[in-house]
N, C-alpha and C. Protein backbone atom coordinates (compact mmCIF):
# COMPACT_ATOMS: atom_id res chain seq x y z
N MET A 1 -2.58 -10.35 -4.11
CA MET A 1 -3.57 -9.39 -3.85
C MET A 1 -3.81 -8.17 -3.86
N LEU A 2 -2.53 -7.28 -3.77
CA LEU A 2 -2.69 -5.68 -4.64
C LEU A 2 -2.75 -5.59 -6.23
N GLN A 3 -2.31 -7.62 -6.67
CA GLN A 3 -3.43 -6.93 -8.06
C GLN A 3 -5.03 -7.06 -9.00
N LYS A 4 -5.09 -6.63 -7.79
CA LYS A 4 -6.84 -7.01 -8.25
C LYS A 4 -7.44 -5.56 -7.91
N ILE A 5 -6.31 -4.97 -7.05
CA ILE A 5 -6.85 -3.47 -6.50
C ILE A 5 -6.42 -2.18 -7.58
N PRO A 6 -6.95 -1.23 -7.50
CA PRO A 6 -7.19 0.35 -8.50
C PRO A 6 -5.35 0.21 -8.09
N LYS A 7 -4.11 1.74 -8.59
CA LYS A 7 -3.28 1.42 -8.54
C LYS A 7 -3.08 2.55 -7.95
N GLN A 8 -4.13 3.47 -7.55
CA GLN A 8 -5.35 4.70 -6.89
C GLN A 8 -4.61 4.49 -5.71
N ASP A 9 -4.88 3.63 -5.36
CA ASP A 9 -5.28 2.67 -3.48
C ASP A 9 -4.92 1.62 -3.85
N VAL A 10 -3.35 1.10 -4.30
CA VAL A 10 -2.00 0.68 -3.77
C VAL A 10 -1.36 1.57 -3.27
N ASP A 11 -1.20 3.05 -3.42
CA ASP A 11 0.04 4.27 -3.79
C ASP A 11 -0.59 4.65 -2.17
N ARG A 12 -2.37 4.39 -2.01
CA ARG A 12 -2.41 5.34 -0.41
C ARG A 12 -2.14 3.54 0.06
N PHE A 13 -2.14 1.90 0.40
CA PHE A 13 -2.50 1.33 0.93
C PHE A 13 0.11 1.75 0.62
N MET A 14 0.57 1.64 -0.14
CA MET A 14 1.81 1.59 0.78
C MET A 14 2.14 2.37 1.16
N ARG A 15 1.72 3.88 1.45
CA ARG A 15 1.84 5.50 2.39
C ARG A 15 1.44 4.70 3.79
N LYS A 16 -0.10 3.77 3.07
CA LYS A 16 0.00 3.62 4.94
C LYS A 16 0.48 3.03 6.07
N ILE A 17 1.31 1.69 5.28
CA ILE A 17 2.38 1.21 5.48
C ILE A 17 3.73 1.26 6.21
N ASP A 18 3.82 2.06 5.34
CA ASP A 18 5.00 2.75 5.64
C ASP A 18 4.83 4.06 7.30
N ILE A 19 3.65 4.71 6.82
CA ILE A 19 3.80 4.83 8.37
C ILE A 19 3.66 4.01 9.31
N ILE A 20 2.90 2.84 9.43
CA ILE A 20 2.70 1.66 10.56
C ILE A 20 3.79 1.87 10.91
N ALA A 21 4.81 0.75 9.94
CA ALA A 21 5.57 0.95 10.27
C ALA A 21 7.07 0.96 10.59
N GLN A 22 6.25 3.19 11.29
CA GLN A 22 7.05 3.69 12.30
C GLN A 22 7.23 2.73 13.53
N ASN A 23 5.92 2.93 13.92
CA ASN A 23 5.98 2.59 14.35
C ASN A 23 4.06 1.44 14.52
N PRO A 24 4.50 1.01 14.94
CA PRO A 24 3.56 -0.04 14.21
C PRO A 24 2.00 -0.18 15.80
N TYR A 25 2.23 0.43 17.31
CA TYR A 25 1.63 1.41 18.06
C TYR A 25 0.96 1.84 17.72
N ALA A 26 1.50 2.83 17.52
CA ALA A 26 1.34 4.44 17.57
C ALA A 26 -1.01 4.13 17.06
N PRO A 27 -1.53 5.34 17.94
CA PRO A 27 -2.62 5.02 17.89
C PRO A 27 -3.57 5.88 16.86
N LEU A 28 -2.72 5.46 16.04
CA LEU A 28 -3.21 5.94 13.73
C LEU A 28 -4.77 5.97 14.00
N SER A 29 -5.29 7.33 13.64
CA SER A 29 -7.21 7.29 13.12
C SER A 29 -7.07 5.83 12.48
N PHE A 30 -6.07 5.61 11.36
CA PHE A 30 -6.76 4.77 10.16
C PHE A 30 -6.64 2.66 10.73
N VAL A 31 -6.72 2.63 11.56
CA VAL A 31 -5.95 1.32 12.93
C VAL A 31 -6.69 1.11 13.72
N LYS A 32 -7.63 -0.43 14.00
CA LYS A 32 -8.47 -0.72 15.29
C LYS A 32 -7.76 -2.14 14.92
N ARG A 33 -7.77 -2.84 15.89
CA ARG A 33 -7.18 -4.00 16.69
C ARG A 33 -8.69 -4.96 16.40
N LEU A 34 -7.88 -5.04 15.75
CA LEU A 34 -9.63 -6.93 15.52
C LEU A 34 -9.85 -7.08 16.54
N LYS A 35 -11.22 -7.86 17.19
CA LYS A 35 -11.84 -8.09 18.87
C LYS A 35 -11.31 -9.51 18.71
N SER A 36 -11.35 -10.43 17.61
CA SER A 36 -10.73 -11.67 17.92
C SER A 36 -9.55 -12.30 17.94
N ASN A 37 -8.87 -11.14 17.48
CA ASN A 37 -6.89 -12.04 17.67
C ASN A 37 -6.43 -10.86 18.13
N ARG A 38 -5.07 -10.98 17.86
CA ARG A 38 -3.83 -9.80 17.54
C ARG A 38 -4.00 -8.85 16.49
N ASP A 39 -4.05 -9.73 15.36
CA ASP A 39 -4.79 -9.06 14.39
C ASP A 39 -5.24 -7.82 14.34
N PHE A 40 -4.49 -6.39 13.08
CA PHE A 40 -5.12 -5.24 13.24
C PHE A 40 -5.75 -4.86 12.12
N ARG A 41 -6.75 -3.78 11.53
CA ARG A 41 -7.33 -3.96 10.44
C ARG A 41 -6.47 -1.29 10.16
N PHE A 42 -6.06 -1.48 8.40
CA PHE A 42 -6.56 -0.29 8.28
C PHE A 42 -7.03 -0.09 7.20
N ARG A 43 -7.34 1.14 6.50
CA ARG A 43 -8.30 1.90 5.92
C ARG A 43 -7.28 2.76 4.55
N PHE A 44 -8.29 2.20 3.85
CA PHE A 44 -7.40 3.00 2.56
C PHE A 44 -7.94 2.56 1.37
N GLY A 45 -9.03 4.14 1.62
CA GLY A 45 -10.54 4.47 0.51
C GLY A 45 -11.09 3.34 0.97
N HIS A 46 -11.70 2.56 -0.13
CA HIS A 46 -12.85 1.05 -0.21
C HIS A 46 -12.01 0.41 0.53
N TYR A 47 -11.41 0.38 0.75
CA TYR A 47 -10.10 -1.53 1.23
C TYR A 47 -9.16 -1.08 2.40
N ARG A 48 -9.26 -2.60 2.84
CA ARG A 48 -8.32 -2.51 4.40
C ARG A 48 -7.39 -3.08 3.78
N GLY A 49 -6.86 -3.62 4.56
CA GLY A 49 -5.91 -4.14 4.84
C GLY A 49 -6.17 -4.98 6.18
N VAL A 50 -5.57 -5.97 6.24
CA VAL A 50 -5.15 -6.48 7.97
C VAL A 50 -3.89 -7.35 8.50
N TYR A 51 -3.57 -6.86 8.90
CA TYR A 51 -2.19 -6.81 9.42
C TYR A 51 -1.23 -7.73 11.35
N ASN A 52 -0.67 -8.28 11.79
CA ASN A 52 -0.26 -8.20 13.02
C ASN A 52 0.94 -8.12 13.42
N VAL A 53 2.18 -7.73 13.81
CA VAL A 53 3.41 -7.57 14.11
C VAL A 53 3.78 -8.69 15.25
N ALA A 54 4.80 -9.23 15.19
CA ALA A 54 5.49 -9.31 15.23
C ALA A 54 7.18 -8.95 16.28
N ASP A 55 7.19 -8.98 18.06
CA ASP A 55 7.80 -8.15 18.09
C ASP A 55 8.70 -8.48 18.50
N THR A 56 9.50 -9.50 18.63
CA THR A 56 10.50 -10.30 18.27
C THR A 56 12.15 -10.05 17.66
N ILE A 57 11.02 -9.18 16.37
CA ILE A 57 11.90 -8.67 15.37
C ILE A 57 10.67 -7.31 14.89
N LEU A 58 10.54 -7.17 15.19
CA LEU A 58 9.18 -6.01 14.81
C LEU A 58 9.82 -6.40 13.04
N THR A 59 8.46 -7.58 13.11
CA THR A 59 7.86 -7.47 11.19
C THR A 59 6.90 -6.97 11.55
N ILE A 60 6.10 -5.98 10.84
CA ILE A 60 4.48 -6.77 10.16
C ILE A 60 4.16 -6.89 9.03
N THR A 61 3.46 -7.97 8.82
CA THR A 61 3.34 -9.05 8.36
C THR A 61 1.34 -8.72 7.69
N VAL A 62 1.61 -8.11 6.94
CA VAL A 62 -0.21 -8.11 5.97
C VAL A 62 -0.39 -9.87 5.38
N ILE A 63 -1.87 -9.19 6.13
CA ILE A 63 -2.75 -10.71 5.58
C ILE A 63 -3.19 -10.60 4.81
N ASP A 64 -3.93 -9.87 4.66
CA ASP A 64 -4.86 -9.74 3.34
C ASP A 64 -4.84 -8.83 2.72
N ALA A 65 -5.48 -7.85 1.83
CA ALA A 65 -5.93 -6.23 1.60
C ALA A 65 -6.47 -7.12 0.28
N ALA A 66 -8.62 -6.69 1.30
CA ALA A 66 -9.22 -6.35 -0.24
C ALA A 66 -10.48 -5.38 -0.50
N HIS A 67 -11.14 -5.06 -0.20
CA HIS A 67 -12.47 -3.85 -1.03
C HIS A 67 -13.33 -4.21 1.27
N ARG A 68 -13.92 -3.61 1.90
CA ARG A 68 -14.07 -3.49 2.47
C ARG A 68 -14.78 -4.20 2.64
N LYS A 69 -16.21 -4.55 1.59
CA LYS A 69 -17.65 -5.98 2.10
C LYS A 69 -17.01 -6.72 1.78
N ASP A 70 -15.99 -7.43 1.56
CA ASP A 70 -15.60 -9.22 1.48
C ASP A 70 -13.76 -8.53 2.16
N ILE A 71 -13.27 -7.91 3.08
CA ILE A 71 -12.02 -7.94 3.90
C ILE A 71 -12.50 -9.47 5.32
N TYR A 72 -13.77 -8.68 5.51
CA TYR A 72 -13.84 -9.40 6.87
C TYR A 72 -14.73 -11.40 6.55
N LYS A 73 -14.06 -11.69 5.39
CA LYS A 73 -14.98 -12.43 4.97
C LYS A 73 -14.27 -14.46 4.78
N ARG A 74 -13.53 -14.03 5.79
CA ARG A 74 -12.77 -15.77 5.74
C ARG A 74 -12.14 -16.16 7.59
């Protein structure tokens, strides 16, 4: 999933995931809850990542990462 994304943006992705992992429900400016379900999206450059959180063992699962024009076409 990250192979097609420029390295600079992959670095941004990793920094954002580290911040999200510290507190997945914190009100972060780059995170928004998706209206359709329990998933969240986060921005990193011109790209977006979609993830969800499993509360029982606090697991953050990144579902997808793609350019912002393509991320919601699934």
